[in-house]
Amino acid sequence: SMQAALNFGRARGWDGFLAAARDFKVPQQNIVFADTHGNIGFVAAGRVPVRKPENDLKGLAPAPGWLAKYDWAGFIPFAALPHAYNPAGGTLMSANHRITPPGYAHHITSEWQPPYRANRITELLGALRRHSIGSFARIQGDAVSQPMRELLPRLTAAQPGSDQAARALALLGAWDGAMAEDRAEPLIAAAWWREFSRAIYADELGAAFRGNWLARAQFIGAVLANRNQQGRWCDDVRTKPVETCDEVLAASLEAALADLRRRYGEDMAAWRWGQAHLARHEHRPFGRVSWLAPWFDITVPTPGDAYTVNVGRNRMEDAARPFVSTHAASLRAIYDLGEPDNSLYIHSGGQSGNVLSPHYKSFTQAWARGEYIPMVTDWKRIEAGGVK
């Protein structure tokens, strides 16, 4: 894989790119290609085992090594890995979604991310006939959550059990699903989603629930739409009455509002998603020492959720910080192959690892706001403007 990385830097054209990609082994990556002639492509390079048809685990759990049906039957040939070159639509994207076409011959994984981010990127790419550096910056910073938009009609149909719940539903009814850091609606919706998730499957999972307490947008959507009778998850199997999803929605909204009052105060108008959805850059190891963490960790309010293009995943199971963003785009870049010095980038901390340096967290605020700095490639300009 190191050899592949070196050869990518020397590649000239698509054939040279593919030759370098053949050496890339682990971990499998979607590697994209573009050149100054307007050609684009990608290959999901990596050494992927071929699992036999009778292998019923497909890499999801440890396999009994003494059973031959779980033996690997070689590796997927490089030419058979997912790839594309100058696709008809004129665009390529990589958003952790399924990249294999229908009928693809090999099993790669069972754990593709849902297609929400990929669908939103497709929507934004199709919104303009011609894009610019500015429009790509807006795409990378987009904080609209498609699952939130899809679920809102069902959520806002809930019957409020209190005045505050009625006010919360009124706010959500006028909301567009953008997980903006300066709004209360994303925090209310995220807290409600969290409590609804707890209510519908904590009873079935028991002790295993906390380790599997995830957003699960497709599952939540299926439950609320009662697709294939999935609404049955709303019943609490520990009680005799059969609870309905309407009852569970109303109760979980009250539970969410109570939790938010405890965390952020009584005034709902003052709640802000960014206040809860801090991007936390945890220092290793000092971020795990309570009295040192404030000096070494970097935190900043951010937009987004697990399903936005500007991704910011949180950990529902974290009782102390369930909304903190722990997984986001640490690097963003926009490349102009026609004029390299027009390229832009930003990363989420600073240029120094020294906590006493002014550059320890100098990019943090700009990164959170979706801003960029020039990607200077002229060595003389770098030397002239460098920090001594």
Protein backbone atom coordinates (compact mmCIF):
# COMPACT_ATOMS: atom_id res chain seq x y z
CA SER A 1 0.00 0.00 0.00
CA MET A 2 2.89 2.38 0.66
CA GLN A 3 4.29 1.55 -2.76
CA ALA A 4 0.88 2.38 -4.27
CA ALA A 5 0.85 5.74 -2.50
CA LEU A 6 4.24 6.62 -3.92
CA ASN A 7 3.23 5.55 -7.42
CA PHE A 8 0.00 7.56 -7.32
CA GLY A 9 2.22 10.64 -7.06
CA ARG A 10 4.09 9.63 -10.20
CA ALA A 11 1.12 8.43 -12.24
CA ARG A 12 0.43 9.99 -15.64
CA GLY A 13 -3.13 9.39 -16.73
CA TRP A 14 -5.74 6.74 -16.00
CA ASP A 15 -3.55 3.76 -16.89
CA GLY A 16 -0.79 4.92 -14.55
CA PHE A 17 -3.36 5.50 -11.82
CA LEU A 18 -4.73 1.95 -12.21
CA ALA A 19 -1.21 0.50 -12.23
CA ALA A 20 -0.54 2.17 -8.88
CA ALA A 21 -3.94 1.11 -7.50
CA ARG A 22 -3.14 -2.56 -8.18
CA ASP A 23 -0.57 -2.40 -5.38
CA PHE A 24 -3.03 -0.97 -2.85
CA LYS A 25 -4.03 -3.78 -0.44
CA VAL A 26 -5.54 -2.62 2.86
CA PRO A 27 -7.80 -1.12 3.94
CA GLN A 28 -10.00 -1.10 0.86
CA GLN A 29 -10.64 2.49 -0.23
CA ASN A 30 -12.65 4.36 -2.84
CA ILE A 31 -9.83 6.16 -4.65
CA VAL A 32 -10.87 8.86 -7.10
CA PHE A 33 -9.03 10.14 -10.17
CA ALA A 34 -9.15 13.36 -12.17
CA ASP A 35 -6.77 14.84 -14.72
CA THR A 36 -6.22 18.15 -16.48
CA HIS A 37 -8.01 16.89 -19.60
CA GLY A 38 -11.35 16.54 -17.80
CA ASN A 39 -11.27 12.77 -17.28
CA ILE A 40 -12.58 11.34 -14.02
CA GLY A 41 -12.67 7.86 -12.52
CA PHE A 42 -12.53 5.79 -9.38
CA VAL A 43 -11.61 2.32 -8.22
CA ALA A 44 -12.42 0.60 -4.92
CA ALA A 45 -8.88 -0.68 -4.54
CA GLY A 46 -7.95 -3.32 -1.98
CA ARG A 47 -7.49 -7.02 -1.42
CA VAL A 48 -10.98 -8.39 -0.81
CA PRO A 49 -11.51 -12.08 -0.02
CA VAL A 50 -13.91 -14.18 -2.03
CA ARG A 51 -16.31 -15.86 0.38
CA LYS A 52 -17.98 -19.10 -0.63
CA PRO A 53 -21.75 -19.20 -1.29
CA GLU A 54 -22.28 -21.41 1.74
CA ASN A 55 -20.51 -18.90 4.01
CA ASP A 56 -23.46 -17.55 6.00
CA LEU A 57 -21.45 -15.15 8.18
CA LYS A 58 -19.98 -12.99 5.40
CA GLY A 59 -17.42 -11.41 7.71
CA LEU A 60 -20.00 -10.16 10.20
CA ALA A 61 -18.82 -12.40 13.04
CA PRO A 62 -15.85 -14.64 13.89
CA ALA A 63 -16.07 -17.86 11.89
CA PRO A 64 -15.34 -21.42 13.06
CA GLY A 65 -11.92 -21.87 11.49
CA TRP A 66 -12.22 -25.66 11.39
CA LEU A 67 -15.14 -25.55 8.91
CA ALA A 68 -14.05 -25.41 5.28
CA LYS A 69 -17.10 -23.46 4.16
CA TYR A 70 -15.65 -20.39 5.85
CA ASP A 71 -12.30 -20.60 4.06
CA TRP A 72 -11.56 -17.79 1.63
CA ALA A 73 -11.61 -18.83 -2.00
CA GLY A 74 -8.87 -16.44 -3.14
CA PHE A 75 -9.36 -12.71 -3.69
CA ILE A 76 -11.52 -10.61 -5.99
CA PRO A 77 -9.48 -9.92 -9.15
CA PHE A 78 -8.44 -6.29 -9.49
CA ALA A 79 -10.34 -5.90 -12.76
CA ALA A 80 -13.54 -7.08 -11.04
CA LEU A 81 -13.40 -4.51 -8.23
CA PRO A 82 -15.96 -1.68 -8.48
CA HIS A 83 -14.62 1.02 -10.78
CA ALA A 84 -15.73 3.65 -13.27
CA TYR A 85 -14.11 5.90 -15.87
CA ASN A 86 -15.87 8.92 -17.36
CA PRO A 87 -19.37 7.72 -16.38
CA ALA A 88 -22.29 8.85 -18.51
CA GLY A 89 -23.65 11.18 -15.81
CA GLY A 90 -20.39 13.11 -15.68
CA THR A 91 -20.06 12.90 -11.90
CA LEU A 92 -18.58 10.59 -9.28
CA MET A 93 -19.03 10.60 -5.52
CA SER A 94 -17.91 8.63 -2.51
CA ALA A 95 -20.10 8.84 0.58
CA ASN A 96 -19.62 5.40 2.17
CA HIS A 97 -22.73 4.20 0.31
CA ARG A 98 -23.14 0.98 -1.69
CA ILE A 99 -20.96 1.25 -4.78
CA THR A 100 -21.65 -2.16 -6.30
CA PRO A 101 -24.19 -2.30 -9.14
CA PRO A 102 -27.23 -4.63 -9.04
CA GLY A 103 -26.18 -8.21 -9.72
CA TYR A 104 -22.53 -7.61 -8.75
CA ALA A 105 -20.88 -11.03 -8.54
CA HIS A 106 -18.93 -10.64 -5.30
CA HIS A 107 -19.72 -9.89 -1.66
CA ILE A 108 -17.70 -6.95 -0.36
CA THR A 109 -19.49 -5.98 2.85
CA SER A 110 -22.85 -6.05 4.60
CA GLU A 111 -22.23 -2.69 6.26
CA TRP A 112 -22.64 0.00 3.64
CA GLN A 113 -23.78 3.33 5.02
CA PRO A 114 -27.36 4.34 4.08
CA PRO A 115 -27.53 6.34 0.84
CA TYR A 116 -28.77 9.61 2.38
CA ARG A 117 -25.52 11.54 1.97
CA ALA A 118 -24.98 10.19 -1.55
CA ASN A 119 -28.56 11.13 -2.51
CA ARG A 120 -28.13 14.65 -1.16
CA ILE A 121 -24.85 15.09 -3.06
CA THR A 122 -26.59 13.91 -6.24
CA GLU A 123 -29.39 16.43 -5.62
CA LEU A 124 -26.93 19.30 -5.09
CA LEU A 125 -24.79 18.35 -8.09
CA GLY A 126 -27.89 18.35 -10.26
CA ALA A 127 -29.06 21.74 -8.99
CA LEU A 128 -26.61 23.67 -11.18
CA ARG A 129 -25.65 23.21 -14.81
CA ARG A 130 -22.13 24.43 -14.13
CA HIS A 131 -20.36 24.31 -10.78
CA SER A 132 -17.66 26.49 -9.26
CA ILE A 133 -15.32 26.41 -6.30
CA GLY A 134 -18.01 28.25 -4.34
CA SER A 135 -20.74 25.76 -5.16
CA PHE A 136 -18.53 22.82 -4.20
CA ALA A 137 -17.78 24.56 -0.90
CA ARG A 138 -21.52 24.84 -0.28
CA ILE A 139 -21.98 21.15 -1.04
CA GLN A 140 -19.23 20.15 1.39
CA GLY A 141 -20.82 22.36 4.05
CA ASP A 142 -24.39 21.20 3.46
CA ALA A 143 -26.19 20.34 6.72
CA VAL A 144 -29.61 19.19 5.46
CA SER A 145 -30.51 15.82 6.98
CA GLN A 146 -32.60 13.83 4.53
CA PRO A 147 -33.82 11.34 7.17
CA MET A 148 -34.98 14.25 9.33
CA ARG A 149 -36.89 15.70 6.38
CA GLU A 150 -38.49 12.34 5.66
CA LEU A 151 -39.47 11.70 9.29
CA LEU A 152 -40.77 15.18 10.11
CA PRO A 153 -44.35 14.65 8.82
CA ARG A 154 -44.69 11.58 11.00
CA LEU A 155 -43.06 13.22 14.01
CA THR A 156 -45.11 16.41 13.84
CA ALA A 157 -48.34 14.41 13.65
CA ALA A 158 -47.74 13.31 17.26
CA GLN A 159 -50.20 14.44 19.92
CA PRO A 160 -48.53 16.75 22.45
CA GLY A 161 -48.87 15.88 26.11
CA SER A 162 -47.80 19.28 27.45
CA ASP A 163 -47.58 22.94 26.48
CA GLN A 164 -43.84 22.64 25.88
CA ALA A 165 -44.39 19.63 23.63
CA ALA A 166 -46.94 21.65 21.64
CA ARG A 167 -44.40 24.48 21.24
CA ALA A 168 -41.74 21.99 20.17
CA LEU A 169 -44.05 20.46 17.56
CA ALA A 170 -44.87 23.94 16.23
CA LEU A 171 -41.16 24.65 15.81
CA LEU A 172 -40.54 21.34 14.06
CA GLY A 173 -43.54 21.87 11.80
CA ALA A 174 -41.89 24.95 10.29
CA TRP A 175 -38.39 23.46 10.13
CA ASP A 176 -36.66 22.36 6.91
CA GLY A 177 -34.46 19.58 8.37
CA ALA A 178 -31.21 21.59 8.24
CA MET A 179 -29.03 20.66 11.21
CA ALA A 180 -27.86 24.24 11.73
CA GLU A 181 -25.78 24.93 14.82
CA ASP A 182 -27.70 28.12 15.72
CA ARG A 183 -31.19 26.55 15.84
CA ALA A 184 -33.16 24.76 18.55
CA GLU A 185 -35.07 22.46 16.18
CA PRO A 186 -32.14 20.11 15.37
CA LEU A 187 -31.49 19.59 19.08
CA ILE A 188 -35.15 18.85 19.83
CA ALA A 189 -35.39 16.44 16.89
CA ALA A 190 -32.12 14.68 17.75
CA ALA A 191 -33.09 14.26 21.41
CA TRP A 192 -36.53 12.95 20.39
CA TRP A 193 -34.95 10.50 17.95
CA ARG A 194 -32.65 9.30 20.74
CA GLU A 195 -35.48 8.70 23.20
CA PHE A 196 -37.71 7.10 20.57
CA SER A 197 -34.89 4.68 19.68
CA ARG A 198 -34.53 3.77 23.34
CA ALA A 199 -38.27 3.20 23.64
CA ILE A 200 -38.65 0.91 20.65
CA TYR A 201 -35.80 -1.55 21.00
CA ALA A 202 -34.24 -1.31 24.46
CA ASP A 203 -36.91 -3.76 25.69
CA GLU A 204 -35.99 -6.40 23.09
CA LEU A 205 -32.19 -6.04 23.39
CA GLY A 206 -31.92 -5.80 27.16
CA ALA A 207 -28.28 -5.64 28.27
CA ALA A 208 -27.12 -5.53 24.65
CA PHE A 209 -29.02 -2.30 23.96
CA ARG A 210 -26.47 0.32 25.01
CA GLY A 211 -23.78 -1.09 22.75
CA ASN A 212 -26.21 -1.01 19.82
CA TRP A 213 -27.89 2.33 20.49
CA LEU A 214 -27.42 3.94 17.09
CA ALA A 215 -29.39 6.35 14.90
CA ARG A 216 -30.50 3.60 12.44
CA ALA A 217 -32.43 5.97 10.15
CA GLN A 218 -33.72 3.31 7.77
CA PHE A 219 -35.00 1.18 10.63
CA ILE A 220 -36.67 4.12 12.37
CA GLY A 221 -38.33 5.09 9.09
CA ALA A 222 -39.60 1.54 8.58
CA VAL A 223 -41.03 1.42 12.10
CA LEU A 224 -42.85 4.74 11.79
CA ALA A 225 -44.22 3.84 8.34
CA ASN A 226 -45.09 0.32 9.57
CA ARG A 227 -43.36 -1.14 6.52
CA ASN A 228 -43.62 -4.95 6.59
CA GLN A 229 -45.34 -4.67 9.99
CA GLN A 230 -42.22 -3.10 11.54
CA GLY A 231 -44.48 -0.93 13.68
CA ARG A 232 -44.63 -3.89 16.07
CA TRP A 233 -41.33 -2.66 17.54
CA CYS A 234 -43.26 0.11 19.28
CA ASP A 235 -44.80 -2.40 21.66
CA ASP A 236 -42.92 -2.78 24.94
CA VAL A 237 -42.55 -6.54 25.28
CA ARG A 238 -42.07 -6.16 29.04
CA THR A 239 -45.63 -4.94 29.60
CA LYS A 240 -49.05 -6.48 29.03
CA PRO A 241 -50.74 -3.62 27.09
CA VAL A 242 -49.75 -3.32 23.42
CA GLU A 243 -48.28 0.15 22.93
CA THR A 244 -48.71 1.94 19.61
CA CYS A 245 -46.15 4.07 17.81
CA ASP A 246 -48.33 7.14 18.39
CA GLU A 247 -48.19 6.54 22.14
CA VAL A 248 -44.45 5.92 22.09
CA LEU A 249 -43.81 9.05 19.99
CA ALA A 250 -45.72 11.22 22.46
CA ALA A 251 -44.01 9.69 25.51
CA SER A 252 -40.53 9.85 23.97
CA LEU A 253 -41.01 13.53 23.07
CA GLU A 254 -41.79 14.29 26.72
CA ALA A 255 -38.75 12.26 27.80
CA ALA A 256 -36.55 14.15 25.31
CA LEU A 257 -37.77 17.55 26.47
CA ALA A 258 -37.19 16.61 30.10
CA ASP A 259 -33.65 15.54 29.25
CA LEU A 260 -32.98 18.78 27.38
CA ARG A 261 -34.31 20.87 30.26
CA ARG A 262 -31.95 19.06 32.60
CA ARG A 263 -28.97 19.60 30.31
CA TYR A 264 -29.60 23.08 28.87
CA GLY A 265 -32.13 24.84 31.07
CA GLU A 266 -35.85 25.54 31.02
CA ASP A 267 -35.89 28.08 28.17
CA MET A 268 -36.44 26.11 24.97
CA ALA A 269 -35.90 29.25 22.88
CA ALA A 270 -32.30 29.37 24.14
CA TRP A 271 -31.42 25.81 23.17
CA ARG A 272 -28.95 25.48 20.29
CA TRP A 273 -27.80 22.42 18.35
CA GLY A 274 -24.23 23.75 18.27
CA GLN A 275 -24.19 24.02 22.06
CA ALA A 276 -24.78 20.26 22.24
CA HIS A 277 -23.16 19.20 18.96
CA LEU A 278 -19.64 20.32 19.77
CA ALA A 279 -17.00 18.75 17.56
CA ARG A 280 -14.59 17.30 20.07
CA HIS A 281 -10.99 16.79 19.02
CA GLU A 282 -9.87 14.48 21.79
CA HIS A 283 -6.19 14.66 22.66
CA ARG A 284 -4.51 11.31 23.13
CA PRO A 285 -3.81 10.60 25.95
CA PHE A 286 -4.55 13.79 27.91
CA GLY A 287 -8.15 14.07 26.69
CA ARG A 288 -8.90 11.08 28.92
CA VAL A 289 -7.63 12.84 32.05
CA SER A 290 -10.49 15.02 33.32
CA TRP A 291 -8.39 17.93 34.64
CA LEU A 292 -6.07 17.98 31.61
CA ALA A 293 -8.70 17.57 28.89
CA PRO A 294 -9.83 21.25 28.88
CA TRP A 295 -6.25 22.30 28.13
CA PHE A 296 -5.61 19.81 25.34
CA ASP A 297 -8.97 19.00 23.74
CA ILE A 298 -10.32 21.27 21.01
CA THR A 299 -14.09 21.81 20.92
CA VAL A 300 -16.21 23.96 18.62
CA PRO A 301 -19.98 24.19 17.87
CA THR A 302 -20.80 22.53 14.54
CA PRO A 303 -23.78 21.78 12.28
CA GLY A 304 -24.71 18.42 10.74
CA ASP A 305 -25.51 14.91 11.87
CA ALA A 306 -24.61 11.36 10.85
CA TYR A 307 -26.54 11.69 7.57
CA THR A 308 -25.57 15.17 6.34
CA VAL A 309 -22.94 15.82 3.67
CA ASN A 310 -21.13 17.86 6.33
CA VAL A 311 -21.14 14.82 8.55
CA GLY A 312 -21.01 14.95 12.34
CA ARG A 313 -21.79 11.63 14.02
CA ASN A 314 -22.63 11.49 17.70
CA ARG A 315 -22.85 8.64 20.18
CA MET A 316 -26.36 8.14 21.49
CA GLU A 317 -25.12 5.72 24.11
CA ASP A 318 -22.88 8.34 25.77
CA ALA A 319 -25.02 9.37 28.73
CA ALA A 320 -22.89 12.42 29.55
CA ARG A 321 -22.41 13.74 25.97
CA PRO A 322 -24.91 12.04 23.65
CA PHE A 323 -24.93 14.82 21.04
CA VAL A 324 -21.21 15.67 20.84
CA SER A 325 -19.77 15.21 17.34
CA THR A 326 -17.07 12.57 17.50
CA HIS A 327 -16.69 11.75 13.80
CA ALA A 328 -16.53 14.44 11.13
CA ALA A 329 -14.56 15.50 8.05
CA SER A 330 -11.14 16.29 9.50
CA LEU A 331 -9.98 17.48 6.05
CA ARG A 332 -11.91 19.26 3.31
CA ALA A 333 -10.34 20.17 -0.01
CA ILE A 334 -11.42 21.55 -3.38
CA TYR A 335 -8.96 21.04 -6.22
CA ASP A 336 -8.70 23.16 -9.37
CA LEU A 337 -6.67 21.06 -11.79
CA GLY A 338 -6.65 23.86 -14.35
CA GLU A 339 -5.06 26.30 -11.91
CA PRO A 340 -3.66 24.43 -8.88
CA ASP A 341 -3.09 27.58 -6.82
CA ASN A 342 -6.86 28.21 -6.89
CA SER A 343 -7.29 25.04 -4.82
CA LEU A 344 -8.51 25.30 -1.25
CA TYR A 345 -8.34 23.20 1.90
CA ILE A 346 -8.99 23.27 5.62
CA HIS A 347 -8.54 20.80 8.43
CA SER A 348 -10.12 20.69 11.80
CA GLY A 349 -7.43 21.72 14.25
CA GLY A 350 -4.27 23.64 13.50
CA GLN A 351 -0.81 23.24 12.01
CA SER A 352 0.97 22.55 15.29
CA GLY A 353 0.77 19.74 17.81
CA ASN A 354 2.20 22.00 20.51
CA VAL A 355 -0.61 23.14 22.80
CA LEU A 356 1.34 26.36 23.55
CA SER A 357 1.56 27.31 19.88
CA PRO A 358 -0.89 29.86 18.40
CA HIS A 359 -1.29 27.34 15.55
CA TYR A 360 -2.49 24.50 17.81
CA LYS A 361 -6.14 25.24 16.96
CA SER A 362 -5.85 28.11 14.51
CA PHE A 363 -8.06 26.48 11.82
CA THR A 364 -10.80 25.33 14.16
CA GLN A 365 -13.29 28.19 13.84
CA ALA A 366 -12.84 28.49 10.06
CA TRP A 367 -13.33 24.73 9.68
CA ALA A 368 -16.53 24.83 11.74
CA ARG A 369 -17.87 27.71 9.61
CA GLY A 370 -17.14 25.84 6.37
CA GLU A 371 -14.35 28.20 5.33
CA TYR A 372 -11.08 27.36 3.57
CA ILE A 373 -7.54 28.60 3.13
CA PRO A 374 -5.53 28.67 -0.13
CA MET A 375 -3.66 25.51 -1.05
CA VAL A 376 -0.39 27.12 -2.13
CA THR A 377 1.67 24.79 -4.35
CA ASP A 378 4.36 27.22 -5.55
CA TRP A 379 7.40 26.48 -3.40
CA LYS A 380 8.76 30.03 -3.62
CA ARG A 381 5.46 31.40 -2.33
CA ILE A 382 5.47 28.82 0.46
CA GLU A 383 8.96 29.85 1.55
CA ALA A 384 8.15 33.56 1.31
CA GLY A 385 5.05 33.25 3.46
CA GLY A 386 6.20 30.48 5.79
CA VAL A 387 6.45 30.61 9.56
CA LYS A 388 10.09 30.54 10.65
